[in-house]
C-alpha cells in the first residue's frame, strides 16, 4: 500500500491531477485524494483533541 501511494505521489508531482488520472486511471486519483483528505482529518482531530485536553 505504501509503495502504491509513493508511486501515485510521484506521478502527481510530475504530471498533476490530470496526468495522474490519465496515466494510472481515475481510481488512482480518487485514492490519492482520499489519502490526503483522511490524513488531514486525522491531523485536525489530533490538534483539536490536544487543544480540548489543554483547555
PDB file of N, CA and C in Angstrom:
ATOM      1  N   UNK A   1       0.830  -1.197   0.000  1.00  0.00           N
ATOM      2  CA  UNK A   1       0.000   0.000   0.000  1.00  0.00           C
ATOM      3  C   UNK A   1       0.870   1.255   0.000  1.00  0.00           C
ATOM      4  N   UNK A   2       1.914   1.232   0.816  1.00  0.00           N
ATOM      5  CA  UNK A   2       2.782   2.403   0.913  1.00  0.00           C
ATOM      6  C   UNK A   2       3.506   2.682  -0.402  1.00  0.00           C
ATOM      7  N   UNK A   3       3.923   1.624  -1.109  1.00  0.00           N
ATOM      8  CA  UNK A   3       4.626   1.821  -2.378  1.00  0.00           C
ATOM      9  C   UNK A   3       3.679   2.374  -3.439  1.00  0.00           C
ATOM     10  N   UNK A   4       2.417   1.965  -3.391  1.00  0.00           N
ATOM     11  CA  UNK A   4       1.426   2.489  -4.339  1.00  0.00           C
ATOM     12  C   UNK A   4       1.220   3.985  -4.117  1.00  0.00           C
ATOM     13  N   UNK A   5       1.079   4.390  -2.856  1.00  0.00           N
ATOM     14  CA  UNK A   5       0.890   5.808  -2.547  1.00  0.00           C
ATOM     15  C   UNK A   5       2.112   6.598  -3.004  1.00  0.00           C
ATOM     16  N   UNK A   6       3.302   6.046  -2.785  1.00  0.00           N
ATOM     17  CA  UNK A   6       4.524   6.714  -3.242  1.00  0.00           C
ATOM     18  C   UNK A   6       4.558   6.863  -4.753  1.00  0.00           C
ATOM     19  N   UNK A   7       4.124   5.833  -5.452  1.00  0.00           N
ATOM     20  CA  UNK A   7       4.072   5.893  -6.915  1.00  0.00           C
ATOM     21  C   UNK A   7       3.061   6.943  -7.369  1.00  0.00           C
ATOM     22  N   UNK A   8       1.895   6.971  -6.720  1.00  0.00           N
ATOM     23  CA  UNK A   8       0.866   7.952  -7.078  1.00  0.00           C
ATOM     24  C   UNK A   8       1.358   9.369  -6.820  1.00  0.00           C
ATOM     25  N   UNK A   9       2.056   9.572  -5.693  1.00  0.00           N
ATOM     26  CA  UNK A   9       2.597  10.896  -5.380  1.00  0.00           C
ATOM     27  C   UNK A   9       3.605  11.341  -6.425  1.00  0.00           C
ATOM     28  N   UNK A  10       4.473  10.410  -6.864  1.00  0.00           N
ATOM     29  CA  UNK A  10       5.490  10.750  -7.859  1.00  0.00           C
ATOM     30  C   UNK A  10       4.841  11.167  -9.176  1.00  0.00           C
ATOM     31  N   UNK A  11       3.836  10.441  -9.612  1.00  0.00           N
ATOM     32  CA  UNK A  11       3.138  10.802 -10.855  1.00  0.00           C
ATOM     33  C   UNK A  11       2.415  12.128 -10.676  1.00  0.00           C
ATOM     34  N   UNK A  12       1.803  12.340  -9.506  1.00  0.00           N
ATOM     35  CA  UNK A  12       1.104  13.600  -9.239  1.00  0.00           C
ATOM     36  C   UNK A  12       2.069  14.783  -9.292  1.00  0.00           C
ATOM     37  N   UNK A  13       3.251  14.633  -8.688  1.00  0.00           N
ATOM     38  CA  UNK A  13       4.230  15.721  -8.706  1.00  0.00           C
ATOM     39  C   UNK A  13       4.698  16.016 -10.125  1.00  0.00           C
ATOM     40  N   UNK A  14       4.854  14.964 -10.914  1.00  0.00           N
ATOM     41  CA  UNK A  14       5.373  15.125 -12.275  1.00  0.00           C
ATOM     42  C   UNK A  14       4.310  15.646 -13.238  1.00  0.00           C
ATOM     43  N   UNK A  15       3.074  15.138 -13.119  1.00  0.00           N
ATOM     44  CA  UNK A  15       2.081  15.429 -14.145  1.00  0.00           C
ATOM     45  C   UNK A  15       0.810  16.099 -13.630  1.00  0.00           C
ATOM     46  N   UNK A  16       0.632  16.212 -12.321  1.00  0.00           N
ATOM     47  CA  UNK A  16      -0.571  16.840 -11.784  1.00  0.00           C
ATOM     48  C   UNK A  16      -1.742  15.879 -11.745  1.00  0.00           C
ATOM     49  N   UNK A  17      -2.909  16.412 -11.336  1.00  0.00           N
ATOM     50  CA  UNK A  17      -4.104  15.565 -11.200  1.00  0.00           C
ATOM     51  C   UNK A  17      -4.529  14.971 -12.530  1.00  0.00           C
ATOM     52  N   UNK A  18      -4.490  15.802 -13.567  1.00  0.00           N
ATOM     53  CA  UNK A  18      -4.928  15.329 -14.880  1.00  0.00           C
ATOM     54  C   UNK A  18      -4.006  14.223 -15.393  1.00  0.00           C
ATOM     55  N   UNK A  19      -2.707  14.387 -15.196  1.00  0.00           N
ATOM     56  CA  UNK A  19      -1.757  13.359 -15.614  1.00  0.00           C
ATOM     57  C   UNK A  19      -1.901  12.091 -14.800  1.00  0.00           C
ATOM     58  N   UNK A  20      -2.183  12.233 -13.506  1.00  0.00           N
ATOM     59  CA  UNK A  20      -2.387  11.067 -12.650  1.00  0.00           C
ATOM     60  C   UNK A  20      -3.581  10.258 -13.129  1.00  0.00           C
ATOM     61  N   UNK A  21      -4.676  10.942 -13.405  1.00  0.00           N
ATOM     62  CA  UNK A  21      -5.876  10.246 -13.876  1.00  0.00           C
ATOM     63  C   UNK A  21      -5.653   9.626 -15.252  1.00  0.00           C
ATOM     64  N   UNK A  22      -4.869  10.296 -16.078  1.00  0.00           N
ATOM     65  CA  UNK A  22      -4.616   9.787 -17.430  1.00  0.00           C
ATOM     66  C   UNK A  22      -3.675   8.583 -17.404  1.00  0.00           C
ATOM     67  N   UNK A  23      -2.612   8.649 -16.613  1.00  0.00           N
ATOM     68  CA  UNK A  23      -1.614   7.575 -16.585  1.00  0.00           C
ATOM     69  C   UNK A  23      -2.073   6.365 -15.777  1.00  0.00           C
ATOM     70  N   UNK A  24      -2.641   6.596 -14.604  1.00  0.00           N
ATOM     71  CA  UNK A  24      -2.965   5.494 -13.700  1.00  0.00           C
ATOM     72  C   UNK A  24      -4.459   5.244 -13.543  1.00  0.00           C
ATOM     73  N   UNK A  25      -5.267   6.066 -14.164  1.00  0.00           N
ATOM     74  CA  UNK A  25      -6.710   5.879 -14.093  1.00  0.00           C
ATOM     75  C   UNK A  25      -7.342   6.728 -13.010  1.00  0.00           C
ATOM     76  N   UNK A  26      -8.632   6.960 -13.132  1.00  0.00           N
ATOM     77  CA  UNK A  26      -9.326   7.797 -12.147  1.00  0.00           C
ATOM     78  C   UNK A  26      -9.342   7.179 -10.753  1.00  0.00           C
ATOM     79  N   UNK A  27      -9.269   5.863 -10.675  1.00  0.00           N
ATOM     80  CA  UNK A  27      -9.259   5.197  -9.370  1.00  0.00           C
ATOM     81  C   UNK A  27      -8.046   5.646  -8.551  1.00  0.00           C
ATOM     82  N   UNK A  28      -6.899   5.789  -9.194  1.00  0.00           N
ATOM     83  CA  UNK A  28      -5.689   6.227  -8.504  1.00  0.00           C
ATOM     84  C   UNK A  28      -5.826   7.669  -8.021  1.00  0.00           C
ATOM     85  N   UNK A  29      -6.426   8.528  -8.831  1.00  0.00           N
ATOM     86  CA  UNK A  29      -6.617   9.924  -8.438  1.00  0.00           C
ATOM     87  C   UNK A  29      -7.557  10.014  -7.242  1.00  0.00           C
ATOM     88  N   UNK A  30      -8.612   9.220  -7.251  1.00  0.00           N
ATOM     89  CA  UNK A  30      -9.557   9.219  -6.130  1.00  0.00           C
ATOM     90  C   UNK A  30      -8.888   8.693  -4.875  1.00  0.00           C
ATOM     91  N   UNK A  31      -8.101   7.629  -5.012  1.00  0.00           N
ATOM     92  CA  UNK A  31      -7.406   7.059  -3.856  1.00  0.00           C
ATOM     93  C   UNK A  31      -6.429   8.059  -3.250  1.00  0.00           C
ATOM     94  N   UNK A  32      -5.666   8.756  -4.081  1.00  0.00           N
ATOM     95  CA  UNK A  32      -4.717   9.741  -3.569  1.00  0.00           C
ATOM     96  C   UNK A  32      -5.448  10.901  -2.893  1.00  0.00           C
ATOM     97  N   UNK A  33      -6.548  11.350  -3.485  1.00  0.00           N
ATOM     98  CA  UNK A  33      -7.341  12.415  -2.877  1.00  0.00           C
ATOM     99  C   UNK A  33      -7.860  11.988  -1.503  1.00  0.00           C
ATOM    100  N   UNK A  34      -8.397  10.770  -1.419  1.00  0.00           N
ATOM    101  CA  UNK A  34      -8.912  10.277  -0.144  1.00  0.00           C
ATOM    102  C   UNK A  34      -7.804  10.113   0.888  1.00  0.00           C
ATOM    103  N   UNK A  35      -6.624   9.690   0.440  1.00  0.00           N
ATOM    104  CA  UNK A  35      -5.485   9.556   1.341  1.00  0.00           C
ATOM    105  C   UNK A  35      -5.154  10.892   1.994  1.00  0.00           C
ATOM    106  N   UNK A  36      -5.051  11.943   1.186  1.00  0.00           N
ATOM    107  CA  UNK A  36      -4.723  13.261   1.735  1.00  0.00           C
ATOM    108  C   UNK A  36      -5.872  13.818   2.573  1.00  0.00           C
ATOM    109  N   UNK A  37      -7.110  13.552   2.195  1.00  0.00           N
ATOM    110  CA  UNK A  37      -8.258  14.004   2.971  1.00  0.00           C
ATOM    111  C   UNK A  37      -8.264  13.363   4.351  1.00  0.00           C
ATOM    112  N   UNK A  38      -8.093  12.059   4.398  1.00  0.00           N
ATOM    113  CA  UNK A  38      -8.088  11.351   5.677  1.00  0.00           C
ATOM    114  C   UNK A  38      -6.898  11.774   6.520  1.00  0.00           C
ATOM    115  N   UNK A  39      -5.747  11.944   5.886  1.00  0.00           N
ATOM    116  CA  UNK A  39      -4.550  12.397   6.604  1.00  0.00           C
ATOM    117  C   UNK A  39      -4.798  13.771   7.244  1.00  0.00           C
ATOM    118  N   UNK A  40      -5.415  14.676   6.515  1.00  0.00           N
ATOM    119  CA  UNK A  40      -5.722  15.999   7.047  1.00  0.00           C
ATOM    120  C   UNK A  40      -6.729  15.947   8.175  1.00  0.00           C
ATOM    121  N   UNK A  41      -7.747  15.099   8.026  1.00  0.00           N
ATOM    122  CA  UNK A  41      -8.749  14.973   9.078  1.00  0.00           C
ATOM    123  C   UNK A  41      -8.157  14.386  10.356  1.00  0.00           C
ATOM    124  N   UNK A  42      -7.225  13.452  10.206  1.00  0.00           N
ATOM    125  CA  UNK A  42      -6.567  12.884  11.391  1.00  0.00           C
ATOM    126  C   UNK A  42      -5.767  13.960  12.105  1.00  0.00           C
ATOM    127  N   UNK A  43      -5.038  14.777  11.351  1.00  0.00           N
ATOM    128  CA  UNK A  43      -4.269  15.858  11.976  1.00  0.00           C
ATOM    129  C   UNK A  43      -5.192  16.848  12.678  1.00  0.00           C
ATOM    130  N   UNK A  44      -6.316  17.169  12.057  1.00  0.00           N
ATOM    131  CA  UNK A  44      -7.269  18.070  12.710  1.00  0.00           C
ATOM    132  C   UNK A  44      -7.805  17.468  14.002  1.00  0.00           C
ATOM    133  N   UNK A  45      -8.112  16.191  13.980  1.00  0.00           N
ATOM    134  CA  UNK A  45      -8.620  15.528  15.182  1.00  0.00           C
ATOM    135  C   UNK A  45      -7.567  15.522  16.278  1.00  0.00           C
ATOM    136  N   UNK A  46      -6.323  15.280  15.918  1.00  0.00           N
ATOM    137  CA  UNK A  46      -5.241  15.275  16.915  1.00  0.00           C
ATOM    138  C   UNK A  46      -5.062  16.673  17.505  1.00  0.00           C
ATOM    139  N   UNK A  47      -5.017  17.672  16.648  1.00  0.00           N
ATOM    140  CA  UNK A  47      -4.831  19.043  17.133  1.00  0.00           C
ATOM    141  C   UNK A  47      -6.025  19.501  17.970  1.00  0.00           C
ATOM    142  N   UNK A  48      -7.233  19.214  17.520  1.00  0.00           N
ATOM    143  CA  UNK A  48      -8.419  19.612  18.273  1.00  0.00           C
ATOM    144  C   UNK A  48      -8.492  18.865  19.598  1.00  0.00           C
ATOM    145  N   UNK A  49      -8.155  17.587  19.572  1.00  0.00           N
ATOM    146  CA  UNK A  49      -8.145  16.797  20.811  1.00  0.00           C
ATOM    147  C   UNK A  49      -7.113  17.315  21.794  1.00  0.00           C
ATOM    148  N   UNK A  50      -5.948  17.700  21.289  1.00  0.00           N
ATOM    149  CA  UNK A  50      -4.919  18.267  22.156  1.00  0.00           C
ATOM    150  C   UNK A  50      -5.338  19.603  22.728  1.00  0.00           C
ATOM    151  N   UNK A  51      -5.994  20.406  21.920  1.00  0.00           N
ATOM    152  CA  UNK A  51      -6.484  21.698  22.385  1.00  0.00           C
ATOM    153  C   UNK A  51      -7.552  21.511  23.457  1.00  0.00           C
ATOM    154  N   UNK A  52      -8.459  20.577  23.238  1.00  0.00           N
ATOM    155  CA  UNK A  52      -9.512  20.300  24.213  1.00  0.00           C
ATOM    156  C   UNK A  52      -8.927  19.753  25.520  1.00  0.00           C
ATOM    157  N   UNK A  53      -7.888  18.946  25.420  1.00  0.00           N
ATOM    158  CA  UNK A  53      -7.276  18.372  26.619  1.00  0.00           C
ATOM    159  C   UNK A  53      -6.571  19.459  27.446  1.00  0.00           C
ATOM    160  N   UNK A  54      -6.014  20.458  26.775  1.00  0.00           N
ATOM    161  CA  UNK A  54      -5.320  21.522  27.477  1.00  0.00           C
ATOM    162  C   UNK A  54      -6.279  22.558  28.052  1.00  0.00           C
ATOM    163  N   UNK A  55      -7.457  22.649  27.502  1.00  0.00           N
ATOM    164  CA  UNK A  55      -8.429  23.653  27.971  1.00  0.00           C
ATOM    165  C   UNK A  55      -9.084  23.263  29.267  1.00  0.00           C
TER     166      UNK A  55
END
